[in-house]
């Protein structure tokens, strides 16, 4: 994360019109982890956890709340997301393709 927050300021300066924002200088961005939220320390693949946090946040953090995620629920997420993708993207393509 330190690499990202250090690099982000250069990207913002290059892409954003700084005179129209509150951004000025090359002071690094800072970040803090929220202590009660689940932290996936077992692997480098944070995609499913990030997507679940985004989904829960977009829906107002319904039960089970973000703070109640465990290793078991993350394991279940990692199994469920590929199945959802397959059902949503791959299966419809079989029905849409012409029959021989």
C-alpha atoms as a PDB file:
ATOM      1  CA  UNK A   1       0.000   0.000   0.000  1.00  0.00           C
ATOM      2  CA  UNK A   2       2.901   2.344   0.714  1.00  0.00           C
ATOM      3  CA  UNK A   3       4.030   2.090  -2.930  1.00  0.00           C
ATOM      4  CA  UNK A   4       0.527   2.925  -4.128  1.00  0.00           C
ATOM      5  CA  UNK A   5       0.059   6.016  -1.958  1.00  0.00           C
ATOM      6  CA  UNK A   6       3.543   7.233  -2.895  1.00  0.00           C
ATOM      7  CA  UNK A   7       2.945   6.772  -6.628  1.00  0.00           C
ATOM      8  CA  UNK A   8      -0.606   8.090  -6.581  1.00  0.00           C
ATOM      9  CA  UNK A   9       0.440  11.694  -6.034  1.00  0.00           C
ATOM     10  CA  UNK A  10       2.528  11.681  -9.220  1.00  0.00           C
ATOM     11  CA  UNK A  11      -0.366  10.195 -11.203  1.00  0.00           C
ATOM     12  CA  UNK A  12      -2.807  12.768  -9.869  1.00  0.00           C
ATOM     13  CA  UNK A  13      -0.423  15.592 -10.684  1.00  0.00           C
ATOM     14  CA  UNK A  14       0.087  14.298 -14.230  1.00  0.00           C
ATOM     15  CA  UNK A  15      -3.577  13.598 -15.025  1.00  0.00           C
ATOM     16  CA  UNK A  16      -5.644  16.027 -12.949  1.00  0.00           C
ATOM     17  CA  UNK A  17      -5.898  19.726 -13.562  1.00  0.00           C
ATOM     18  CA  UNK A  18      -4.362  20.650 -10.214  1.00  0.00           C
ATOM     19  CA  UNK A  19      -5.378  24.293 -10.401  1.00  0.00           C
ATOM     20  CA  UNK A  20      -9.025  23.177 -10.262  1.00  0.00           C
ATOM     21  CA  UNK A  21      -8.565  20.937  -7.222  1.00  0.00           C
ATOM     22  CA  UNK A  22      -7.281  21.177  -3.682  1.00  0.00           C
ATOM     23  CA  UNK A  23      -4.295  19.044  -4.687  1.00  0.00           C
ATOM     24  CA  UNK A  24      -0.962  20.829  -4.606  1.00  0.00           C
ATOM     25  CA  UNK A  25       2.629  19.729  -4.195  1.00  0.00           C
ATOM     26  CA  UNK A  26       4.029  16.250  -3.822  1.00  0.00           C
ATOM     27  CA  UNK A  27       2.991  15.507  -0.267  1.00  0.00           C
ATOM     28  CA  UNK A  28       2.278  11.749  -0.089  1.00  0.00           C
ATOM     29  CA  UNK A  29      -1.234  10.498   0.472  1.00  0.00           C
ATOM     30  CA  UNK A  30      -1.817   8.660   3.731  1.00  0.00           C
ATOM     31  CA  UNK A  31      -3.912   5.635   4.569  1.00  0.00           C
ATOM     32  CA  UNK A  32      -5.042   3.839   7.678  1.00  0.00           C
ATOM     33  CA  UNK A  33      -6.644   0.451   8.068  1.00  0.00           C
ATOM     34  CA  UNK A  34      -9.920   0.392   9.922  1.00  0.00           C
ATOM     35  CA  UNK A  35      -9.085  -1.820  12.903  1.00  0.00           C
ATOM     36  CA  UNK A  36     -12.350  -3.768  13.204  1.00  0.00           C
ATOM     37  CA  UNK A  37     -12.621  -4.711   9.498  1.00  0.00           C
ATOM     38  CA  UNK A  38     -11.458  -8.041   8.132  1.00  0.00           C
ATOM     39  CA  UNK A  39      -7.830  -8.074   6.982  1.00  0.00           C
ATOM     40  CA  UNK A  40      -6.882 -10.814   4.524  1.00  0.00           C
ATOM     41  CA  UNK A  41      -3.323 -11.692   5.507  1.00  0.00           C
ATOM     42  CA  UNK A  42      -3.307 -15.174   3.954  1.00  0.00           C
ATOM     43  CA  UNK A  43      -2.699 -14.340   0.299  1.00  0.00           C
ATOM     44  CA  UNK A  44      -1.959 -11.600  -2.192  1.00  0.00           C
ATOM     45  CA  UNK A  45      -5.328 -11.861  -3.966  1.00  0.00           C
ATOM     46  CA  UNK A  46      -7.582  -9.253  -2.366  1.00  0.00           C
ATOM     47  CA  UNK A  47     -10.006  -9.032  -5.285  1.00  0.00           C
ATOM     48  CA  UNK A  48     -12.909 -11.023  -3.820  1.00  0.00           C
ATOM     49  CA  UNK A  49     -12.626  -9.261  -0.453  1.00  0.00           C
ATOM     50  CA  UNK A  50     -12.442  -5.846  -2.121  1.00  0.00           C
ATOM     51  CA  UNK A  51     -15.450  -6.626  -4.297  1.00  0.00           C
ATOM     52  CA  UNK A  52     -17.438  -7.821  -1.282  1.00  0.00           C
ATOM     53  CA  UNK A  53     -16.564  -4.634   0.640  1.00  0.00           C
ATOM     54  CA  UNK A  54     -17.681  -2.526  -2.353  1.00  0.00           C
ATOM     55  CA  UNK A  55     -20.898  -4.507  -2.662  1.00  0.00           C
ATOM     56  CA  UNK A  56     -21.662  -4.255   1.052  1.00  0.00           C
ATOM     57  CA  UNK A  57     -20.824  -0.543   1.132  1.00  0.00           C
ATOM     58  CA  UNK A  58     -23.065   0.147  -1.881  1.00  0.00           C
ATOM     59  CA  UNK A  59     -25.962  -1.567  -0.106  1.00  0.00           C
ATOM     60  CA  UNK A  60     -25.458   0.311   3.172  1.00  0.00           C
ATOM     61  CA  UNK A  61     -23.473  -2.460   4.927  1.00  0.00           C
ATOM     62  CA  UNK A  62     -26.338  -4.918   5.504  1.00  0.00           C
ATOM     63  CA  UNK A  63     -26.014  -8.000   7.710  1.00  0.00           C
ATOM     64  CA  UNK A  64     -23.605  -9.741   7.784  1.00  0.00           C
ATOM     65  CA  UNK A  65     -21.693  -6.504   8.287  1.00  0.00           C
ATOM     66  CA  UNK A  66     -18.220  -5.811   6.926  1.00  0.00           C
ATOM     67  CA  UNK A  67     -16.847  -6.173  10.425  1.00  0.00           C
ATOM     68  CA  UNK A  68     -18.159  -9.738  10.697  1.00  0.00           C
ATOM     69  CA  UNK A  69     -16.262 -11.210   7.739  1.00  0.00           C
ATOM     70  CA  UNK A  70     -14.079 -14.170   8.713  1.00  0.00           C
ATOM     71  CA  UNK A  71     -11.612 -16.443   6.952  1.00  0.00           C
ATOM     72  CA  UNK A  72     -14.439 -18.935   6.394  1.00  0.00           C
ATOM     73  CA  UNK A  73     -16.722 -16.370   4.720  1.00  0.00           C
ATOM     74  CA  UNK A  74     -13.827 -15.167   2.552  1.00  0.00           C
ATOM     75  CA  UNK A  75     -13.162 -18.777   1.493  1.00  0.00           C
ATOM     76  CA  UNK A  76     -16.836 -19.053   0.545  1.00  0.00           C
ATOM     77  CA  UNK A  77     -16.616 -15.766  -1.406  1.00  0.00           C
ATOM     78  CA  UNK A  78     -13.643 -17.048  -3.360  1.00  0.00           C
ATOM     79  CA  UNK A  79     -15.688 -20.094  -4.365  1.00  0.00           C
ATOM     80  CA  UNK A  80     -18.901 -18.197  -5.117  1.00  0.00           C
ATOM     81  CA  UNK A  81     -17.552 -15.368  -7.299  1.00  0.00           C
ATOM     82  CA  UNK A  82     -16.232 -17.648 -10.091  1.00  0.00           C
ATOM     83  CA  UNK A  83     -19.570 -19.453 -10.124  1.00  0.00           C
ATOM     84  CA  UNK A  84     -21.451 -16.148 -10.373  1.00  0.00           C
ATOM     85  CA  UNK A  85     -19.200 -15.000 -13.219  1.00  0.00           C
ATOM     86  CA  UNK A  86     -19.680 -18.296 -15.043  1.00  0.00           C
ATOM     87  CA  UNK A  87     -23.460 -18.112 -14.611  1.00  0.00           C
ATOM     88  CA  UNK A  88     -23.619 -14.457 -15.711  1.00  0.00           C
ATOM     89  CA  UNK A  89     -21.151 -14.415 -18.607  1.00  0.00           C
ATOM     90  CA  UNK A  90     -20.379 -17.898 -19.883  1.00  0.00           C
ATOM     91  CA  UNK A  91     -23.770 -19.615 -19.682  1.00  0.00           C
ATOM     92  CA  UNK A  92     -25.640 -16.899 -21.636  1.00  0.00           C
ATOM     93  CA  UNK A  93     -23.061 -17.175 -24.429  1.00  0.00           C
ATOM     94  CA  UNK A  94     -24.007 -20.843 -24.949  1.00  0.00           C
ATOM     95  CA  UNK A  95     -27.646 -19.926 -25.398  1.00  0.00           C
ATOM     96  CA  UNK A  96     -26.820 -17.048 -27.737  1.00  0.00           C
ATOM     97  CA  UNK A  97     -24.562 -19.049 -30.057  1.00  0.00           C
ATOM     98  CA  UNK A  98     -26.128 -20.573 -33.181  1.00  0.00           C
ATOM     99  CA  UNK A  99     -26.848 -24.296 -33.161  1.00  0.00           C
ATOM    100  CA  UNK A 100     -24.960 -26.418 -35.735  1.00  0.00           C
END
